[in-house]
Amino acid sequence: MTVLKAVMAPRDGTPAGGFHEVDVYDLPKACAADTTGIYLTGDVDQEYLAEQRPLLDAFVTGGGRVLVNGHVQRVFLQGLTRWRKLEFRTPRDLVLTRVTDHPVWAGTDPLAFLYNTGTPGPVPFAELERIGVAGFYGRGYYLDLPAGARIVHTLGPTAAPIDYDYPLGAGRVLVHGGNDLLQFAGADRGTARLAPQIVRWLEGR
């Protein structure tokens, strides 16, 4: 079942309800009045979302927030652009550089996202360079960004934009051009704060 995660919290500032998993085909329910933000997983049905673009556009322009993960190939929200594959040969081509501070990634080291390894527990970076595999965070980029877009991270020496956000009406859209960000929230990486910071951003805080 393809799901999205909706952050449901009254817009009057009372305590938030956090993530609620919703089937993507119940999108109208996810865009209900008590939803402040929507987290779209990387495997979401983009064809269906493209059909629901008026609903998504209205949700964001009305003050909601949407976090888009993965490789956008169908423009299902105003301002989105299509993902492009990055040509890379070594981990150096995939090194993440933070261009602009963003509350979702506050307090995290971009190098913490570079390598994946099956070794349990925290692993020193020098060891990650030896045994880790780069590219899980992302291997592609976005060009032709919308007006007012802020690039958060770029990849490699080509400075290819992988993470960006932009205003849309009274709301905001955050795009991550790789595997779901929640997969990279963990104490072993030193990035456990990523998950609650995603929720706070989707709450509009």
Protein backbone atom coordinates (compact mmCIF):
# COMPACT_ATOMS: atom_id res chain seq x y z
CA MET A 1 0.00 0.00 0.00
CA THR A 2 1.43 3.36 -0.98
CA VAL A 3 1.15 5.83 1.85
CA LEU A 4 1.84 9.40 2.67
CA LYS A 5 2.34 10.84 6.12
CA ALA A 6 0.14 13.71 7.20
CA VAL A 7 1.00 15.95 10.11
CA MET A 8 -2.33 16.78 11.63
CA ALA A 9 -2.38 19.68 14.05
CA PRO A 10 -4.87 22.49 14.54
CA ARG A 11 -3.63 25.69 12.96
CA ASP A 12 -4.39 27.60 16.17
CA GLY A 13 -1.08 26.56 17.76
CA THR A 14 -2.38 23.86 20.12
CA PRO A 15 -0.20 20.74 20.55
CA ALA A 16 0.48 18.78 17.36
CA GLY A 17 -0.69 15.31 16.62
CA GLY A 18 2.44 14.19 14.74
CA PHE A 19 2.56 11.76 11.82
CA HIS A 20 -0.50 9.82 10.70
CA GLU A 21 -0.14 7.35 7.83
CA VAL A 22 -2.75 7.84 5.15
CA ASP A 23 -3.26 5.88 1.93
CA VAL A 24 -2.35 8.23 -0.91
CA TYR A 25 -5.69 7.50 -2.56
CA ASP A 26 -7.33 9.08 0.50
CA LEU A 27 -5.54 12.34 -0.27
CA PRO A 28 -8.68 14.48 0.21
CA LYS A 29 -8.83 13.21 3.81
CA ALA A 30 -5.14 14.06 4.27
CA CYS A 31 -5.82 17.62 3.10
CA ALA A 32 -8.45 18.11 5.78
CA ALA A 33 -8.65 21.30 7.82
CA ASP A 34 -6.63 19.89 10.75
CA THR A 35 -3.66 18.93 8.55
CA THR A 36 -0.74 21.34 8.52
CA GLY A 37 1.71 19.29 6.46
CA ILE A 38 2.07 16.25 4.21
CA TYR A 39 5.15 14.04 3.84
CA LEU A 40 5.17 12.25 0.46
CA THR A 41 7.21 9.04 0.35
CA GLY A 42 9.53 8.41 -2.58
CA ASP A 43 7.40 5.59 -4.00
CA VAL A 44 4.18 7.60 -4.07
CA ASP A 45 1.91 7.28 -7.12
CA GLN A 46 2.83 10.43 -9.05
CA GLU A 47 0.29 9.76 -11.79
CA TYR A 48 -2.49 9.90 -9.21
CA LEU A 49 -1.00 12.98 -7.56
CA ALA A 50 -0.87 14.74 -10.94
CA GLU A 51 -4.62 14.15 -11.23
CA GLN A 52 -5.02 15.69 -7.76
CA ARG A 53 -2.86 18.74 -8.49
CA PRO A 54 -5.67 21.30 -7.91
CA LEU A 55 -6.22 19.82 -4.44
CA LEU A 56 -2.50 19.89 -3.57
CA ASP A 57 -2.03 23.39 -4.98
CA ALA A 58 -4.96 24.64 -2.90
CA PHE A 59 -3.63 22.92 0.23
CA VAL A 60 -0.25 24.63 -0.01
CA THR A 61 -1.39 28.03 -1.22
CA GLY A 62 -3.82 28.03 1.70
CA GLY A 63 -0.94 27.71 4.17
CA GLY A 64 -0.07 24.01 4.21
CA ARG A 65 3.37 22.47 3.80
CA VAL A 66 4.43 19.50 1.67
CA LEU A 67 7.71 17.57 1.81
CA VAL A 68 8.37 15.70 -1.45
CA ASN A 69 10.84 12.78 -1.47
CA GLY A 70 12.22 10.93 -4.46
CA HIS A 71 12.44 11.46 -8.20
CA VAL A 72 9.75 13.79 -9.46
CA GLN A 73 8.75 12.85 -13.02
CA ARG A 74 5.15 14.09 -12.99
CA VAL A 75 4.57 17.71 -12.00
CA PHE A 76 1.85 17.29 -9.38
CA LEU A 77 2.34 20.59 -7.56
CA GLN A 78 2.92 24.10 -8.84
CA GLY A 79 6.62 24.95 -8.92
CA LEU A 80 7.95 21.39 -9.04
CA THR A 81 10.61 20.50 -11.57
CA ARG A 82 11.67 17.10 -12.92
CA TRP A 83 14.50 15.06 -11.38
CA ARG A 84 17.62 14.35 -13.44
CA LYS A 85 20.18 11.61 -12.91
CA LEU A 86 23.68 12.74 -11.93
CA GLU A 87 26.65 11.23 -13.73
CA PHE A 88 29.08 10.16 -11.01
CA ARG A 89 32.19 8.00 -10.69
CA THR A 90 33.42 8.30 -7.10
CA PRO A 91 31.99 9.23 -3.68
CA ARG A 92 33.51 12.68 -4.18
CA ASP A 93 30.89 13.28 -6.89
CA LEU A 94 28.16 12.66 -4.30
CA VAL A 95 29.47 14.68 -1.35
CA LEU A 96 26.73 16.83 0.12
CA THR A 97 27.38 20.54 0.59
CA ARG A 98 25.03 22.68 2.66
CA VAL A 99 24.38 25.91 0.77
CA THR A 100 21.63 27.30 3.03
CA ASP A 101 20.76 26.47 6.63
CA HIS A 102 17.34 24.88 7.00
CA PRO A 103 15.43 23.90 10.16
CA VAL A 104 14.90 20.33 8.93
CA TRP A 105 18.66 19.67 8.86
CA ALA A 106 19.65 21.95 11.76
CA GLY A 107 22.45 20.47 13.86
CA THR A 108 23.30 17.71 11.38
CA ASP A 109 26.58 17.23 9.54
CA PRO A 110 26.14 16.82 5.75
CA LEU A 111 28.91 14.18 5.77
CA ALA A 112 26.72 12.01 8.03
CA PHE A 113 24.44 11.33 5.04
CA LEU A 114 27.13 10.29 2.54
CA TYR A 115 27.70 6.61 3.35
CA ASN A 116 25.54 3.62 4.23
CA THR A 117 26.93 0.47 5.81
CA GLY A 118 25.51 -2.72 7.28
CA THR A 119 27.77 -2.38 10.32
CA PRO A 120 25.65 -1.81 13.46
CA GLY A 121 26.35 1.09 15.80
CA PRO A 122 28.23 4.31 15.19
CA VAL A 123 31.16 3.99 12.76
CA PRO A 124 34.03 6.52 12.52
CA PHE A 125 34.01 8.46 9.27
CA ALA A 126 37.42 7.09 8.23
CA GLU A 127 35.98 3.58 8.51
CA LEU A 128 32.86 4.60 6.58
CA GLU A 129 35.11 5.81 3.76
CA ARG A 130 36.71 2.36 3.69
CA ILE A 131 33.63 0.10 3.92
CA GLY A 132 30.62 2.32 3.19
CA VAL A 133 28.62 2.76 -0.01
CA ALA A 134 27.85 6.30 -1.16
CA GLY A 135 24.79 7.49 -3.02
CA PHE A 136 21.86 6.32 -0.92
CA TYR A 137 21.02 9.89 0.11
CA GLY A 138 20.69 10.87 -3.52
CA ARG A 139 22.15 10.46 -7.00
CA GLY A 140 20.28 13.13 -8.89
CA TYR A 141 19.36 16.77 -8.96
CA TYR A 142 16.87 19.44 -9.97
CA LEU A 143 17.27 22.39 -12.31
CA ASP A 144 14.87 25.15 -13.44
CA LEU A 145 13.89 25.84 -9.85
CA PRO A 146 10.82 28.01 -9.18
CA ALA A 147 10.96 31.69 -8.23
CA GLY A 148 12.00 32.22 -4.63
CA ALA A 149 13.55 28.76 -4.29
CA ARG A 150 16.29 28.25 -1.71
CA ILE A 151 18.83 25.51 -2.42
CA VAL A 152 19.67 23.65 0.80
CA HIS A 153 22.17 21.02 -0.41
CA THR A 154 24.14 20.38 -3.57
CA LEU A 155 26.00 17.28 -4.74
CA GLY A 156 29.67 17.03 -5.66
CA PRO A 157 31.94 19.47 -7.44
CA THR A 158 29.22 20.26 -9.99
CA ALA A 159 27.07 21.72 -7.17
CA ALA A 160 23.96 19.95 -8.47
CA PRO A 161 20.91 20.95 -6.35
CA ILE A 162 19.38 17.96 -4.54
CA ASP A 163 17.41 19.64 -1.73
CA TYR A 164 15.46 22.88 -2.09
CA ASP A 165 12.38 24.63 -0.80
CA TYR A 166 10.17 27.38 -2.12
CA PRO A 167 7.13 29.44 -1.15
CA LEU A 168 3.78 28.74 -2.73
CA GLY A 169 1.05 31.13 -1.72
CA ALA A 170 0.82 31.11 2.08
CA GLY A 171 2.52 27.70 2.29
CA ARG A 172 5.83 26.10 1.49
CA VAL A 173 7.20 23.08 -0.41
CA LEU A 174 10.39 21.17 0.46
CA VAL A 175 11.88 18.79 -2.12
CA HIS A 176 14.47 16.07 -1.41
CA GLY A 177 15.71 14.35 -4.56
CA GLY A 178 16.63 10.99 -3.05
CA ASN A 179 15.55 8.20 -0.71
CA ASP A 180 13.08 9.13 2.04
CA LEU A 181 14.63 11.54 4.52
CA LEU A 182 13.22 9.62 7.49
CA GLN A 183 15.52 6.72 6.55
CA PHE A 184 18.47 8.94 7.45
CA ALA A 185 17.30 9.86 10.95
CA GLY A 186 19.29 7.78 13.44
CA ALA A 187 21.42 8.00 16.55
CA ASP A 188 24.23 6.01 14.92
CA ARG A 189 24.61 8.74 12.31
CA GLY A 190 24.20 11.51 14.85
CA THR A 191 21.07 12.57 12.98
CA ALA A 192 18.26 11.43 15.32
CA ARG A 193 17.00 15.02 15.47
CA LEU A 194 16.09 14.89 11.77
CA ALA A 195 12.73 13.14 12.37
CA PRO A 196 11.29 15.56 14.96
CA GLN A 197 12.60 18.50 12.96
CA ILE A 198 10.73 17.24 9.89
CA VAL A 199 7.54 17.08 11.97
CA ARG A 200 8.08 20.60 13.35
CA TRP A 201 8.66 21.98 9.87
CA LEU A 202 5.47 20.32 8.62
CA GLU A 203 3.65 21.84 11.57
CA GLY A 204 4.75 25.24 10.34
CA ARG A 205 7.07 25.88 13.27
